Amino acid sequence: MKRLQQLTKEINDITLKIEQEYPELYQYLDENPITISSEINSKMDTKNFSDYLNSLKQLLKHHMEEHPQKK
């Protein structure tokens, strides 16, 4: 259970970062092809959360590589 709580915190943290620092990217979160399974009988487990967190990280990483911030 602790691992699931940690994953949830990390998902919240990265989502907040995207919302605050990369608002242009935030609009695409619902369209992300890799999301937590929404099947009726799917169970919420650490694999689903971990996969979703990894997809958020990849989305952010790709965006940062393609749009480097100017200083």
PDB file of N, CA and C in Angstrom:
ATOM      1  N   MET A   1       0.813  -1.196   0.000  1.00  0.00           N
ATOM      2  CA  MET A   1       0.000   0.000   0.000  1.00  0.00           C
ATOM      3  C   MET A   1       0.859   1.264   0.000  1.00  0.00           C
ATOM      4  N   LYS A   2       1.995   1.186   0.693  1.00  0.00           N
ATOM      5  CA  LYS A   2       2.864   2.348   0.749  1.00  0.00           C
ATOM      6  C   LYS A   2       3.391   2.710  -0.643  1.00  0.00           C
ATOM      7  N   ARG A   3       3.722   1.708  -1.421  1.00  0.00           N
ATOM      8  CA  ARG A   3       4.223   1.957  -2.781  1.00  0.00           C
ATOM      9  C   ARG A   3       3.164   2.666  -3.625  1.00  0.00           C
ATOM     10  N   LEU A   4       1.917   2.280  -3.483  1.00  0.00           N
ATOM     11  CA  LEU A   4       0.829   2.914  -4.222  1.00  0.00           C
ATOM     12  C   LEU A   4       0.673   4.373  -3.797  1.00  0.00           C
ATOM     13  N   GLN A   5       0.808   4.649  -2.532  1.00  0.00           N
ATOM     14  CA  GLN A   5       0.728   6.020  -2.041  1.00  0.00           C
ATOM     15  C   GLN A   5       1.879   6.859  -2.587  1.00  0.00           C
ATOM     16  N   GLN A   6       3.063   6.271  -2.639  1.00  0.00           N
ATOM     17  CA  GLN A   6       4.220   6.987  -3.177  1.00  0.00           C
ATOM     18  C   GLN A   6       4.029   7.292  -4.661  1.00  0.00           C
ATOM     19  N   LEU A   7       3.530   6.331  -5.398  1.00  0.00           N
ATOM     20  CA  LEU A   7       3.265   6.555  -6.824  1.00  0.00           C
ATOM     21  C   LEU A   7       2.223   7.650  -7.020  1.00  0.00           C
ATOM     22  N   THR A   8       1.193   7.636  -6.213  1.00  0.00           N
ATOM     23  CA  THR A   8       0.154   8.660  -6.302  1.00  0.00           C
ATOM     24  C   THR A   8       0.743  10.040  -6.035  1.00  0.00           C
ATOM     25  N   LYS A   9       1.604  10.133  -5.039  1.00  0.00           N
ATOM     26  CA  LYS A   9       2.254  11.410  -4.736  1.00  0.00           C
ATOM     27  C   LYS A   9       3.109  11.875  -5.911  1.00  0.00           C
ATOM     28  N   GLU A  10       3.880  10.970  -6.478  1.00  0.00           N
ATOM     29  CA  GLU A  10       4.731  11.332  -7.613  1.00  0.00           C
ATOM     30  C   GLU A  10       3.898  11.767  -8.817  1.00  0.00           C
ATOM     31  N   ILE A  11       2.786  11.092  -9.071  1.00  0.00           N
ATOM     32  CA  ILE A  11       1.896  11.474 -10.167  1.00  0.00           C
ATOM     33  C   ILE A  11       1.343  12.872  -9.912  1.00  0.00           C
ATOM     34  N   ASN A  12       0.929  13.121  -8.694  1.00  0.00           N
ATOM     35  CA  ASN A  12       0.425  14.457  -8.359  1.00  0.00           C
ATOM     36  C   ASN A  12       1.505  15.513  -8.523  1.00  0.00           C
ATOM     37  N   ASP A  13       2.704  15.220  -8.079  1.00  0.00           N
ATOM     38  CA  ASP A  13       3.806  16.182  -8.171  1.00  0.00           C
ATOM     39  C   ASP A  13       4.142  16.517  -9.625  1.00  0.00           C
ATOM     40  N   ILE A  14       4.255  15.508 -10.453  1.00  0.00           N
ATOM     41  CA  ILE A  14       4.623  15.778 -11.854  1.00  0.00           C
ATOM     42  C   ILE A  14       3.471  16.462 -12.598  1.00  0.00           C
ATOM     43  N   THR A  15       2.251  16.109 -12.258  1.00  0.00           N
ATOM     44  CA  THR A  15       1.102  16.776 -12.878  1.00  0.00           C
ATOM     45  C   THR A  15       1.070  18.247 -12.490  1.00  0.00           C
ATOM     46  N   LEU A  16       1.345  18.544 -11.245  1.00  0.00           N
ATOM     47  CA  LEU A  16       1.391  19.927 -10.779  1.00  0.00           C
ATOM     48  C   LEU A  16       2.516  20.690 -11.472  1.00  0.00           C
ATOM     49  N   LYS A  17       3.671  20.053 -11.610  1.00  0.00           N
ATOM     50  CA  LYS A  17       4.789  20.689 -12.309  1.00  0.00           C
ATOM     51  C   LYS A  17       4.410  21.019 -13.751  1.00  0.00           C
ATOM     52  N   ILE A  18       3.783  20.090 -14.415  1.00  0.00           N
ATOM     53  CA  ILE A  18       3.356  20.331 -15.793  1.00  0.00           C
ATOM     54  C   ILE A  18       2.358  21.483 -15.835  1.00  0.00           C
ATOM     55  N   GLU A  19       1.413  21.466 -14.930  1.00  0.00           N
ATOM     56  CA  GLU A  19       0.387  22.516 -14.899  1.00  0.00           C
ATOM     57  C   GLU A  19       1.005  23.896 -14.665  1.00  0.00           C
ATOM     58  N   GLN A  20       1.963  23.985 -13.760  1.00  0.00           N
ATOM     59  CA  GLN A  20       2.530  25.279 -13.391  1.00  0.00           C
ATOM     60  C   GLN A  20       3.646  25.751 -14.320  1.00  0.00           C
ATOM     61  N   GLU A  21       4.492  24.828 -14.755  1.00  0.00           N
ATOM     62  CA  GLU A  21       5.671  25.224 -15.517  1.00  0.00           C
ATOM     63  C   GLU A  21       5.535  25.022 -17.024  1.00  0.00           C
ATOM     64  N   TYR A  22       4.636  24.133 -17.414  1.00  0.00           N
ATOM     65  CA  TYR A  22       4.459  23.833 -18.838  1.00  0.00           C
ATOM     66  C   TYR A  22       2.967  23.799 -19.175  1.00  0.00           C
ATOM     67  N   PRO A  23       2.267  24.902 -18.993  1.00  0.00           N
ATOM     68  CA  PRO A  23       0.809  24.885 -19.207  1.00  0.00           C
ATOM     69  C   PRO A  23       0.414  24.495 -20.629  1.00  0.00           C
ATOM     70  N   GLU A  24       1.306  24.734 -21.573  1.00  0.00           N
ATOM     71  CA  GLU A  24       1.005  24.352 -22.952  1.00  0.00           C
ATOM     72  C   GLU A  24       0.930  22.832 -23.093  1.00  0.00           C
ATOM     73  N   LEU A  25       1.574  22.120 -22.216  1.00  0.00           N
ATOM     74  CA  LEU A  25       1.585  20.664 -22.240  1.00  0.00           C
ATOM     75  C   LEU A  25       0.425  20.077 -21.439  1.00  0.00           C
ATOM     76  N   TYR A  26      -0.013  20.799 -20.444  1.00  0.00           N
ATOM     77  CA  TYR A  26      -1.056  20.304 -19.535  1.00  0.00           C
ATOM     78  C   TYR A  26      -2.325  19.900 -20.281  1.00  0.00           C
ATOM     79  N   GLN A  27      -2.659  20.628 -21.324  1.00  0.00           N
ATOM     80  CA  GLN A  27      -3.886  20.338 -22.079  1.00  0.00           C
ATOM     81  C   GLN A  27      -3.871  18.958 -22.731  1.00  0.00           C
ATOM     82  N   TYR A  28      -2.709  18.375 -22.914  1.00  0.00           N
ATOM     83  CA  TYR A  28      -2.618  17.078 -23.572  1.00  0.00           C
ATOM     84  C   TYR A  28      -2.632  15.888 -22.617  1.00  0.00           C
ATOM     85  N   LEU A  29      -2.681  16.118 -21.337  1.00  0.00           N
ATOM     86  CA  LEU A  29      -2.648  15.003 -20.395  1.00  0.00           C
ATOM     87  C   LEU A  29      -3.811  14.044 -20.583  1.00  0.00           C
ATOM     88  N   ASP A  30      -4.989  14.539 -20.862  1.00  0.00           N
ATOM     89  CA  ASP A  30      -6.136  13.657 -21.075  1.00  0.00           C
ATOM     90  C   ASP A  30      -6.027  12.877 -22.370  1.00  0.00           C
ATOM     91  N   GLU A  31      -5.211  13.367 -23.285  1.00  0.00           N
ATOM     92  CA  GLU A  31      -5.062  12.685 -24.568  1.00  0.00           C
ATOM     93  C   GLU A  31      -3.861  11.743 -24.590  1.00  0.00           C
ATOM     94  N   ASN A  32      -3.178  11.650 -23.485  1.00  0.00           N
ATOM     95  CA  ASN A  32      -2.018  10.780 -23.414  1.00  0.00           C
ATOM     96  C   ASN A  32      -2.448   9.341 -23.704  1.00  0.00           C
ATOM     97  N   PRO A  33      -1.841   8.685 -24.693  1.00  0.00           N
ATOM     98  CA  PRO A  33      -2.285   7.338 -25.051  1.00  0.00           C
ATOM     99  C   PRO A  33      -2.039   6.289 -23.972  1.00  0.00           C
ATOM    100  N   ILE A  34      -1.098   6.549 -23.091  1.00  0.00           N
ATOM    101  CA  ILE A  34      -0.823   5.593 -22.021  1.00  0.00           C
ATOM    102  C   ILE A  34      -1.374   6.191 -20.731  1.00  0.00           C
ATOM    103  N   THR A  35      -2.537   5.715 -20.354  1.00  0.00           N
ATOM    104  CA  THR A  35      -3.152   6.218 -19.128  1.00  0.00           C
ATOM    105  C   THR A  35      -3.534   5.060 -18.238  1.00  0.00           C
ATOM    106  N   ILE A  36      -3.929   5.403 -17.048  1.00  0.00           N
ATOM    107  CA  ILE A  36      -4.380   4.359 -16.136  1.00  0.00           C
ATOM    108  C   ILE A  36      -5.576   3.678 -16.757  1.00  0.00           C
ATOM    109  N   SER A  37      -5.574   2.384 -16.735  1.00  0.00           N
ATOM    110  CA  SER A  37      -6.629   1.613 -17.365  1.00  0.00           C
ATOM    111  C   SER A  37      -8.005   2.039 -16.879  1.00  0.00           C
ATOM    112  N   SER A  38      -8.921   2.211 -17.791  1.00  0.00           N
ATOM    113  CA  SER A  38     -10.266   2.633 -17.417  1.00  0.00           C
ATOM    114  C   SER A  38     -11.296   1.532 -17.638  1.00  0.00           C
ATOM    115  N   GLU A  39     -10.833   0.307 -17.829  1.00  0.00           N
ATOM    116  CA  GLU A  39     -11.762  -0.797 -17.997  1.00  0.00           C
ATOM    117  C   GLU A  39     -12.595  -0.955 -16.737  1.00  0.00           C
ATOM    118  N   ILE A  40     -13.823  -1.385 -16.907  1.00  0.00           N
ATOM    119  CA  ILE A  40     -14.748  -1.501 -15.786  1.00  0.00           C
ATOM    120  C   ILE A  40     -14.190  -2.367 -14.673  1.00  0.00           C
ATOM    121  N   ASN A  41     -13.602  -3.492 -14.988  1.00  0.00           N
ATOM    122  CA  ASN A  41     -13.134  -4.415 -13.970  1.00  0.00           C
ATOM    123  C   ASN A  41     -11.642  -4.310 -13.678  1.00  0.00           C
ATOM    124  N   SER A  42     -11.001  -3.292 -14.199  1.00  0.00           N
ATOM    125  CA  SER A  42      -9.570  -3.194 -13.936  1.00  0.00           C
ATOM    126  C   SER A  42      -9.335  -2.799 -12.485  1.00  0.00           C
ATOM    127  N   LYS A  43      -8.287  -3.327 -11.945  1.00  0.00           N
ATOM    128  CA  LYS A  43      -7.991  -2.973 -10.568  1.00  0.00           C
ATOM    129  C   LYS A  43      -6.847  -1.970 -10.546  1.00  0.00           C
ATOM    130  N   MET A  44      -6.885  -1.139  -9.543  1.00  0.00           N
ATOM    131  CA  MET A  44      -5.847  -0.132  -9.405  1.00  0.00           C
ATOM    132  C   MET A  44      -4.679  -0.778  -8.664  1.00  0.00           C
ATOM    133  N   ASP A  45      -3.598  -1.004  -9.390  1.00  0.00           N
ATOM    134  CA  ASP A  45      -2.442  -1.604  -8.753  1.00  0.00           C
ATOM    135  C   ASP A  45      -1.193  -0.791  -9.060  1.00  0.00           C
ATOM    136  N   THR A  46      -0.117  -1.170  -8.433  1.00  0.00           N
ATOM    137  CA  THR A  46       1.108  -0.405  -8.594  1.00  0.00           C
ATOM    138  C   THR A  46       1.615  -0.409 -10.030  1.00  0.00           C
ATOM    139  N   LYS A  47       1.376  -1.477 -10.763  1.00  0.00           N
ATOM    140  CA  LYS A  47       1.825  -1.508 -12.160  1.00  0.00           C
ATOM    141  C   LYS A  47       1.116  -0.439 -12.985  1.00  0.00           C
ATOM    142  N   ASN A  48      -0.197  -0.322 -12.836  1.00  0.00           N
ATOM    143  CA  ASN A  48      -0.943   0.703 -13.570  1.00  0.00           C
ATOM    144  C   ASN A  48      -0.442   2.101 -13.221  1.00  0.00           C
ATOM    145  N   PHE A  49      -0.260   2.339 -11.939  1.00  0.00           N
ATOM    146  CA  PHE A  49       0.202   3.659 -11.513  1.00  0.00           C
ATOM    147  C   PHE A  49       1.630   3.907 -11.973  1.00  0.00           C
ATOM    148  N   SER A  50       2.457   2.919 -11.874  1.00  0.00           N
ATOM    149  CA  SER A  50       3.837   3.051 -12.303  1.00  0.00           C
ATOM    150  C   SER A  50       3.918   3.318 -13.815  1.00  0.00           C
ATOM    151  N   ASP A  51       3.146   2.606 -14.587  1.00  0.00           N
ATOM    152  CA  ASP A  51       3.107   2.828 -16.041  1.00  0.00           C
ATOM    153  C   ASP A  51       2.646   4.253 -16.365  1.00  0.00           C
ATOM    154  N   TYR A  52       1.633   4.697 -15.656  1.00  0.00           N
ATOM    155  CA  TYR A  52       1.117   6.050 -15.896  1.00  0.00           C
ATOM    156  C   TYR A  52       2.159   7.093 -15.512  1.00  0.00           C
ATOM    157  N   LEU A  53       2.808   6.910 -14.373  1.00  0.00           N
ATOM    158  CA  LEU A  53       3.852   7.837 -13.952  1.00  0.00           C
ATOM    159  C   LEU A  53       4.972   7.874 -14.984  1.00  0.00           C
ATOM    160  N   ASN A  54       5.387   6.733 -15.462  1.00  0.00           N
ATOM    161  CA  ASN A  54       6.436   6.690 -16.486  1.00  0.00           C
ATOM    162  C   ASN A  54       6.013   7.395 -17.762  1.00  0.00           C
ATOM    163  N   SER A  55       4.764   7.263 -18.131  1.00  0.00           N
ATOM    164  CA  SER A  55       4.297   7.947 -19.338  1.00  0.00           C
ATOM    165  C   SER A  55       4.306   9.462 -19.144  1.00  0.00           C
ATOM    166  N   LEU A  56       3.966   9.930 -17.946  1.00  0.00           N
ATOM    167  CA  LEU A  56       4.034  11.364 -17.661  1.00  0.00           C
ATOM    168  C   LEU A  56       5.469  11.866 -17.722  1.00  0.00           C
ATOM    169  N   LYS A  57       6.370  11.093 -17.150  1.00  0.00           N
ATOM    170  CA  LYS A  57       7.784  11.473 -17.178  1.00  0.00           C
ATOM    171  C   LYS A  57       8.309  11.548 -18.604  1.00  0.00           C
ATOM    172  N   GLN A  58       7.937  10.580 -19.424  1.00  0.00           N
ATOM    173  CA  GLN A  58       8.377  10.582 -20.816  1.00  0.00           C
ATOM    174  C   GLN A  58       7.791  11.758 -21.591  1.00  0.00           C
ATOM    175  N   LEU A  59       6.542  12.047 -21.328  1.00  0.00           N
ATOM    176  CA  LEU A  59       5.888  13.183 -21.976  1.00  0.00           C
ATOM    177  C   LEU A  59       6.613  14.477 -21.641  1.00  0.00           C
ATOM    178  N   LEU A  60       6.915  14.669 -20.375  1.00  0.00           N
ATOM    179  CA  LEU A  60       7.614  15.874 -19.934  1.00  0.00           C
ATOM    180  C   LEU A  60       9.032  15.910 -20.485  1.00  0.00           C
ATOM    181  N   LYS A  61       9.731  14.804 -20.425  1.00  0.00           N
ATOM    182  CA  LYS A  61      11.102  14.742 -20.941  1.00  0.00           C
ATOM    183  C   LYS A  61      11.147  15.082 -22.427  1.00  0.00           C
ATOM    184  N   HIS A  62      10.266  14.482 -23.184  1.00  0.00           N
ATOM    185  CA  HIS A  62      10.221  14.749 -24.621  1.00  0.00           C
ATOM    186  C   HIS A  62       9.936  16.230 -24.886  1.00  0.00           C
ATOM    187  N   HIS A  63       9.002  16.773 -24.156  1.00  0.00           N
ATOM    188  CA  HIS A  63       8.656  18.186 -24.342  1.00  0.00           C
ATOM    189  C   HIS A  63       9.850  19.080 -24.015  1.00  0.00           C
ATOM    190  N   MET A  64      10.546  18.783 -22.944  1.00  0.00           N
ATOM    191  CA  MET A  64      11.692  19.598 -22.551  1.00  0.00           C
ATOM    192  C   MET A  64      12.825  19.496 -23.571  1.00  0.00           C
ATOM    193  N   GLU A  65      12.999  18.333 -24.155  1.00  0.00           N
ATOM    194  CA  GLU A  65      14.035  18.166 -25.181  1.00  0.00           C
ATOM    195  C   GLU A  65      13.676  18.922 -26.461  1.00  0.00           C
ATOM    196  N   GLU A  66      12.412  18.907 -26.793  1.00  0.00           N
ATOM    197  CA  GLU A  66      11.965  19.580 -28.022  1.00  0.00           C
ATOM    198  C   GLU A  66      11.806  21.087 -27.868  1.00  0.00           C
ATOM    199  N   HIS A  67      11.638  21.556 -26.645  1.00  0.00           N
ATOM    200  CA  HIS A  67      11.415  22.973 -26.372  1.00  0.00           C
ATOM    201  C   HIS A  67      12.312  23.431 -25.227  1.00  0.00           C
ATOM    202  N   PRO A  68      13.610  23.504 -25.490  1.00  0.00           N
ATOM    203  CA  PRO A  68      14.501  23.924 -24.404  1.00  0.00           C
ATOM    204  C   PRO A  68      14.174  25.349 -23.959  1.00  0.00           C
ATOM    205  N   GLN A  69      14.229  25.546 -22.662  1.00  0.00           N
ATOM    206  CA  GLN A  69      13.930  26.883 -22.137  1.00  0.00           C
ATOM    207  C   GLN A  69      15.092  27.813 -22.397  1.00  0.00           C
ATOM    208  N   LYS A  70      14.745  29.019 -22.796  1.00  0.00           N
ATOM    209  CA  LYS A  70      15.780  30.027 -23.040  1.00  0.00           C
ATOM    210  C   LYS A  70      16.034  30.769 -21.739  1.00  0.00           C
ATOM    211  N   LYS A  71      17.302  31.034 -21.473  1.00  0.00           N
ATOM    212  CA  LYS A  71      17.656  31.749 -20.248  1.00  0.00           C
ATOM    213  C   LYS A  71      17.961  33.184 -20.532  1.00  0.00           C
TER     214      LYS A  71
END
